[in-house]
Amino acid sequence: MERRLFAKNTALFATGILALSGSNIYASGEEKKSNTIDLCPALNTKNKISLQGQILDSVTFKKIEVKKMDVHVKRNRFFSTKQSIENINGSYHIISGLTNIGKTYEKMTVQIIADGYKPYEGTIYMTKAGCHVHSEEWAYNSNFKPEFCPENKVIENQTLSKFNFHLVKL
């Protein structure tokens, strides 16, 4: 009996999250032409984090036409979110946030595919103080400099970060 009640409550909870999350779960034939990824949690957010920037060539610092950009966030061991942007013109905007539960950081994995460039896979840690890159950035791009790290600005409970990805040619 308790097992049935647990299954019923879990189903109601999952349905409620899908209904209230604001995400579109229906198939659509129209193609979205946006360079924004919204990864805000379904629950109330304590700190809203906005990461934006450009995708540049590591030598010439010119914008790159990106074929695909995947952003993967795992909020806990049961629930992960993955969203993609296809055919963007070299700029991106990712919106996320930290919930009231008390989590101090969020790990975000980014994959970028562009013609003529090595596939990029890196990790960005989002905290209420701003975004920080993982040291694997130097393994991908040996010319990566500390001044290329994200610039963070905190205004009350909103964090604005600017970071340019520097892709390396094949």
C-alpha atoms as a PDB file:
ATOM      1  CA  MET A   1       0.000   0.000   0.000  1.00  0.00           C
ATOM      2  CA  GLU A   2       2.804   2.418   0.887  1.00  0.00           C
ATOM      3  CA  ARG A   3       4.579   1.586  -2.344  1.00  0.00           C
ATOM      4  CA  ARG A   4       1.472   2.461  -4.399  1.00  0.00           C
ATOM      5  CA  LEU A   5       1.037   5.726  -2.549  1.00  0.00           C
ATOM      6  CA  PHE A   6       4.700   6.584  -3.129  1.00  0.00           C
ATOM      7  CA  ALA A   7       4.400   5.807  -6.861  1.00  0.00           C
ATOM      8  CA  LYS A   8       1.230   7.905  -7.127  1.00  0.00           C
ATOM      9  CA  ASN A   9       2.807  10.881  -5.328  1.00  0.00           C
ATOM     10  CA  THR A  10       5.954  10.634  -7.459  1.00  0.00           C
ATOM     11  CA  ALA A  11       3.885  10.619 -10.657  1.00  0.00           C
ATOM     12  CA  LEU A  12       1.911  13.659  -9.505  1.00  0.00           C
ATOM     13  CA  PHE A  13       5.118  15.474  -8.561  1.00  0.00           C
ATOM     14  CA  ALA A  14       6.756  14.732 -11.940  1.00  0.00           C
ATOM     15  CA  THR A  15       3.645  15.856 -13.809  1.00  0.00           C
ATOM     16  CA  GLY A  16       3.563  19.057 -11.786  1.00  0.00           C
ATOM     17  CA  ILE A  17       7.205  19.823 -12.535  1.00  0.00           C
ATOM     18  CA  LEU A  18       6.672  19.327 -16.271  1.00  0.00           C
ATOM     19  CA  ALA A  19       3.506  21.438 -16.249  1.00  0.00           C
ATOM     20  CA  LEU A  20       5.021  24.298 -14.263  1.00  0.00           C
ATOM     21  CA  SER A  21       8.546  24.280 -15.712  1.00  0.00           C
ATOM     22  CA  GLY A  22       7.581  26.288 -18.772  1.00  0.00           C
ATOM     23  CA  SER A  23       9.456  24.002 -21.118  1.00  0.00           C
ATOM     24  CA  ASN A  24       7.842  22.996 -24.355  1.00  0.00           C
ATOM     25  CA  ILE A  25       7.435  19.219 -24.370  1.00  0.00           C
ATOM     26  CA  TYR A  26       5.436  19.021 -27.593  1.00  0.00           C
ATOM     27  CA  ALA A  27       7.026  18.423 -30.979  1.00  0.00           C
ATOM     28  CA  SER A  28       7.124  21.468 -33.191  1.00  0.00           C
ATOM     29  CA  GLY A  29       7.948  21.838 -36.852  1.00  0.00           C
ATOM     30  CA  GLU A  30       9.272  25.369 -36.542  1.00  0.00           C
ATOM     31  CA  GLU A  31      12.978  25.952 -36.106  1.00  0.00           C
ATOM     32  CA  LYS A  32      14.149  28.276 -33.341  1.00  0.00           C
ATOM     33  CA  LYS A  33      16.717  30.882 -34.367  1.00  0.00           C
ATOM     34  CA  SER A  34      17.936  31.977 -30.978  1.00  0.00           C
ATOM     35  CA  ASN A  35      21.376  31.977 -29.427  1.00  0.00           C
ATOM     36  CA  THR A  36      19.977  31.762 -25.875  1.00  0.00           C
ATOM     37  CA  ILE A  37      19.831  28.697 -23.641  1.00  0.00           C
ATOM     38  CA  ASP A  38      17.625  28.933 -20.550  1.00  0.00           C
ATOM     39  CA  LEU A  39      18.673  26.447 -17.850  1.00  0.00           C
ATOM     40  CA  CYS A  40      16.873  28.094 -14.927  1.00  0.00           C
ATOM     41  CA  PRO A  41      15.687  25.543 -12.355  1.00  0.00           C
ATOM     42  CA  ALA A  42      11.971  24.803 -12.085  1.00  0.00           C
ATOM     43  CA  LEU A  43      12.051  25.878  -8.436  1.00  0.00           C
ATOM     44  CA  ASN A  44      12.576  29.432  -7.237  1.00  0.00           C
ATOM     45  CA  THR A  45      16.098  30.625  -7.816  1.00  0.00           C
ATOM     46  CA  LYS A  46      18.135  32.302  -5.122  1.00  0.00           C
ATOM     47  CA  ASN A  47      20.766  33.673  -7.502  1.00  0.00           C
ATOM     48  CA  LYS A  48      20.252  34.161 -11.223  1.00  0.00           C
ATOM     49  CA  ILE A  49      23.366  33.718 -13.371  1.00  0.00           C
ATOM     50  CA  SER A  50      23.721  35.047 -16.902  1.00  0.00           C
ATOM     51  CA  LEU A  51      26.710  33.942 -18.987  1.00  0.00           C
ATOM     52  CA  GLN A  52      27.237  35.511 -22.376  1.00  0.00           C
ATOM     53  CA  GLY A  53      29.989  35.980 -24.870  1.00  0.00           C
ATOM     54  CA  GLN A  54      31.337  35.009 -28.247  1.00  0.00           C
ATOM     55  CA  ILE A  55      32.983  32.015 -29.845  1.00  0.00           C
ATOM     56  CA  LEU A  56      36.284  33.162 -31.336  1.00  0.00           C
ATOM     57  CA  ASP A  57      39.229  31.802 -33.276  1.00  0.00           C
ATOM     58  CA  SER A  58      42.163  31.389 -30.869  1.00  0.00           C
ATOM     59  CA  VAL A  59      44.657  33.076 -33.233  1.00  0.00           C
ATOM     60  CA  THR A  60      42.728  35.766 -35.134  1.00  0.00           C
ATOM     61  CA  PHE A  61      40.057  36.465 -32.459  1.00  0.00           C
ATOM     62  CA  LYS A  62      37.354  36.635 -35.154  1.00  0.00           C
ATOM     63  CA  LYS A  63      33.848  35.237 -34.614  1.00  0.00           C
ATOM     64  CA  ILE A  64      33.280  31.652 -35.740  1.00  0.00           C
ATOM     65  CA  GLU A  65      30.136  30.251 -37.326  1.00  0.00           C
ATOM     66  CA  VAL A  66      29.266  27.393 -34.961  1.00  0.00           C
ATOM     67  CA  LYS A  67      27.508  24.275 -36.163  1.00  0.00           C
ATOM     68  CA  LYS A  68      26.303  23.140 -32.722  1.00  0.00           C
ATOM     69  CA  MET A  69      26.693  24.077 -29.065  1.00  0.00           C
ATOM     70  CA  ASP A  70      25.511  21.658 -26.332  1.00  0.00           C
ATOM     71  CA  VAL A  71      25.207  22.673 -22.695  1.00  0.00           C
ATOM     72  CA  HIS A  72      24.728  19.938 -20.095  1.00  0.00           C
ATOM     73  CA  VAL A  73      23.922  20.595 -16.430  1.00  0.00           C
ATOM     74  CA  LYS A  74      23.450  17.849 -13.877  1.00  0.00           C
ATOM     75  CA  ARG A  75      21.619  19.297 -10.897  1.00  0.00           C
ATOM     76  CA  ASN A  76      21.525  16.058  -8.919  1.00  0.00           C
ATOM     77  CA  ARG A  77      22.041  12.375  -9.585  1.00  0.00           C
ATOM     78  CA  PHE A  78      18.505  11.887 -10.911  1.00  0.00           C
ATOM     79  CA  PHE A  79      17.873  15.003 -12.994  1.00  0.00           C
ATOM     80  CA  SER A  80      20.061  16.472 -15.698  1.00  0.00           C
ATOM     81  CA  THR A  81      19.364  19.059 -18.375  1.00  0.00           C
ATOM     82  CA  LYS A  82      20.871  19.231 -21.835  1.00  0.00           C
ATOM     83  CA  GLN A  83      20.043  21.940 -24.341  1.00  0.00           C
ATOM     84  CA  SER A  84      21.518  22.771 -27.719  1.00  0.00           C
ATOM     85  CA  ILE A  85      21.880  25.684 -30.080  1.00  0.00           C
ATOM     86  CA  GLU A  86      22.442  24.974 -33.757  1.00  0.00           C
ATOM     87  CA  ASN A  87      23.900  27.214 -36.450  1.00  0.00           C
ATOM     88  CA  ILE A  88      24.685  30.275 -34.376  1.00  0.00           C
ATOM     89  CA  ASN A  89      26.661  33.266 -35.599  1.00  0.00           C
ATOM     90  CA  GLY A  90      29.401  33.221 -32.998  1.00  0.00           C
ATOM     91  CA  SER A  91      27.631  34.612 -29.924  1.00  0.00           C
ATOM     92  CA  TYR A  92      25.750  32.865 -27.124  1.00  0.00           C
ATOM     93  CA  HIS A  93      23.782  33.602 -23.958  1.00  0.00           C
ATOM     94  CA  ILE A  94      23.185  31.042 -21.174  1.00  0.00           C
ATOM     95  CA  ILE A  95      20.789  31.779 -18.322  1.00  0.00           C
ATOM     96  CA  SER A  96      20.863  29.642 -15.198  1.00  0.00           C
ATOM     97  CA  GLY A  97      20.505  29.968 -11.463  1.00  0.00           C
ATOM     98  CA  LEU A  98      21.133  28.499  -8.049  1.00  0.00           C
ATOM     99  CA  THR A  99      18.112  27.324  -6.079  1.00  0.00           C
ATOM    100  CA  ASN A 100      17.186  28.174  -2.511  1.00  0.00           C
ATOM    101  CA  ILE A 101      18.145  24.652  -1.386  1.00  0.00           C
ATOM    102  CA  GLY A 102      21.671  25.805  -0.617  1.00  0.00           C
ATOM    103  CA  LYS A 103      23.776  24.401  -3.455  1.00  0.00           C
ATOM    104  CA  THR A 104      26.853  26.613  -3.733  1.00  0.00           C
ATOM    105  CA  TYR A 105      27.866  25.854  -7.325  1.00  0.00           C
ATOM    106  CA  GLU A 106      26.637  24.292 -10.523  1.00  0.00           C
ATOM    107  CA  LYS A 107      28.834  22.359 -12.929  1.00  0.00           C
ATOM    108  CA  MET A 108      28.095  23.031 -16.593  1.00  0.00           C
ATOM    109  CA  THR A 109      29.652  21.010 -19.421  1.00  0.00           C
ATOM    110  CA  VAL A 110      29.868  22.778 -22.784  1.00  0.00           C
ATOM    111  CA  GLN A 111      30.507  21.096 -26.140  1.00  0.00           C
ATOM    112  CA  ILE A 112      31.069  23.162 -29.287  1.00  0.00           C
ATOM    113  CA  ILE A 113      31.351  21.839 -32.837  1.00  0.00           C
ATOM    114  CA  ALA A 114      32.503  24.113 -35.663  1.00  0.00           C
ATOM    115  CA  ASP A 115      33.791  23.260 -39.128  1.00  0.00           C
ATOM    116  CA  GLY A 116      37.600  23.376 -39.339  1.00  0.00           C
ATOM    117  CA  TYR A 117      38.134  23.483 -35.551  1.00  0.00           C
ATOM    118  CA  LYS A 118      38.914  20.895 -32.891  1.00  0.00           C
ATOM    119  CA  PRO A 119      35.735  19.889 -31.028  1.00  0.00           C
ATOM    120  CA  TYR A 120      35.607  21.799 -27.760  1.00  0.00           C
ATOM    121  CA  GLU A 121      34.525  20.202 -24.488  1.00  0.00           C
ATOM    122  CA  GLY A 122      35.001  22.173 -21.317  1.00  0.00           C
ATOM    123  CA  THR A 123      33.605  22.713 -17.853  1.00  0.00           C
ATOM    124  CA  ILE A 124      32.359  25.952 -16.366  1.00  0.00           C
ATOM    125  CA  TYR A 125      31.511  26.236 -12.689  1.00  0.00           C
ATOM    126  CA  MET A 126      28.711  28.676 -11.935  1.00  0.00           C
ATOM    127  CA  THR A 127      28.649  30.132  -8.420  1.00  0.00           C
ATOM    128  CA  LYS A 128      26.920  33.117  -6.874  1.00  0.00           C
ATOM    129  CA  ALA A 129      30.262  34.956  -7.199  1.00  0.00           C
ATOM    130  CA  GLY A 130      30.359  34.275 -10.959  1.00  0.00           C
ATOM    131  CA  CYS A 131      31.573  31.750 -13.505  1.00  0.00           C
ATOM    132  CA  HIS A 132      34.944  30.007 -13.398  1.00  0.00           C
ATOM    133  CA  VAL A 133      36.648  27.804 -15.998  1.00  0.00           C
ATOM    134  CA  HIS A 134      38.291  24.470 -15.321  1.00  0.00           C
ATOM    135  CA  SER A 135      42.022  24.000 -15.853  1.00  0.00           C
ATOM    136  CA  GLU A 136      41.271  21.734 -18.849  1.00  0.00           C
ATOM    137  CA  GLU A 137      40.923  24.973 -20.822  1.00  0.00           C
ATOM    138  CA  TRP A 138      44.739  25.130 -21.026  1.00  0.00           C
ATOM    139  CA  ALA A 139      44.899  21.510 -22.228  1.00  0.00           C
ATOM    140  CA  TYR A 140      42.586  22.367 -25.145  1.00  0.00           C
ATOM    141  CA  ASN A 141      44.178  25.721 -26.001  1.00  0.00           C
ATOM    142  CA  SER A 142      47.828  26.095 -24.989  1.00  0.00           C
ATOM    143  CA  ASN A 143      47.667  29.848 -25.780  1.00  0.00           C
ATOM    144  CA  PHE A 144      44.822  30.442 -23.288  1.00  0.00           C
ATOM    145  CA  LYS A 145      45.755  33.322 -20.995  1.00  0.00           C
ATOM    146  CA  PRO A 146      44.426  34.179 -17.518  1.00  0.00           C
ATOM    147  CA  GLU A 147      42.976  37.431 -18.871  1.00  0.00           C
ATOM    148  CA  PHE A 148      40.647  35.324 -21.065  1.00  0.00           C
ATOM    149  CA  CYS A 149      38.907  33.958 -17.924  1.00  0.00           C
ATOM    150  CA  PRO A 150      35.303  35.053 -17.260  1.00  0.00           C
ATOM    151  CA  GLU A 151      34.650  38.598 -16.111  1.00  0.00           C
ATOM    152  CA  ASN A 152      32.059  38.536 -13.316  1.00  0.00           C
ATOM    153  CA  LYS A 153      29.852  41.318 -12.036  1.00  0.00           C
ATOM    154  CA  VAL A 154      27.492  40.706  -9.080  1.00  0.00           C
ATOM    155  CA  ILE A 155      24.476  42.964  -8.631  1.00  0.00           C
ATOM    156  CA  GLU A 156      22.381  41.924  -5.584  1.00  0.00           C
ATOM    157  CA  ASN A 157      21.123  38.399  -6.403  1.00  0.00           C
ATOM    158  CA  GLN A 158      22.033  38.473 -10.092  1.00  0.00           C
ATOM    159  CA  THR A 159      25.445  37.577 -11.519  1.00  0.00           C
ATOM    160  CA  LEU A 160      26.508  38.715 -14.985  1.00  0.00           C
ATOM    161  CA  SER A 161      29.475  36.915 -16.542  1.00  0.00           C
ATOM    162  CA  LYS A 162      31.215  37.459 -19.859  1.00  0.00           C
ATOM    163  CA  PHE A 163      33.359  34.715 -21.356  1.00  0.00           C
ATOM    164  CA  ASN A 164      34.631  34.127 -24.882  1.00  0.00           C
ATOM    165  CA  PHE A 165      35.391  30.578 -26.008  1.00  0.00           C
ATOM    166  CA  HIS A 166      38.613  30.364 -28.051  1.00  0.00           C
ATOM    167  CA  LEU A 167      38.537  27.449 -30.501  1.00  0.00           C
ATOM    168  CA  VAL A 168      41.697  25.940 -31.997  1.00  0.00           C
ATOM    169  CA  LYS A 169      41.981  25.073 -35.686  1.00  0.00           C
ATOM    170  CA  LEU A 170      42.565  21.477 -36.733  1.00  0.00           C
END
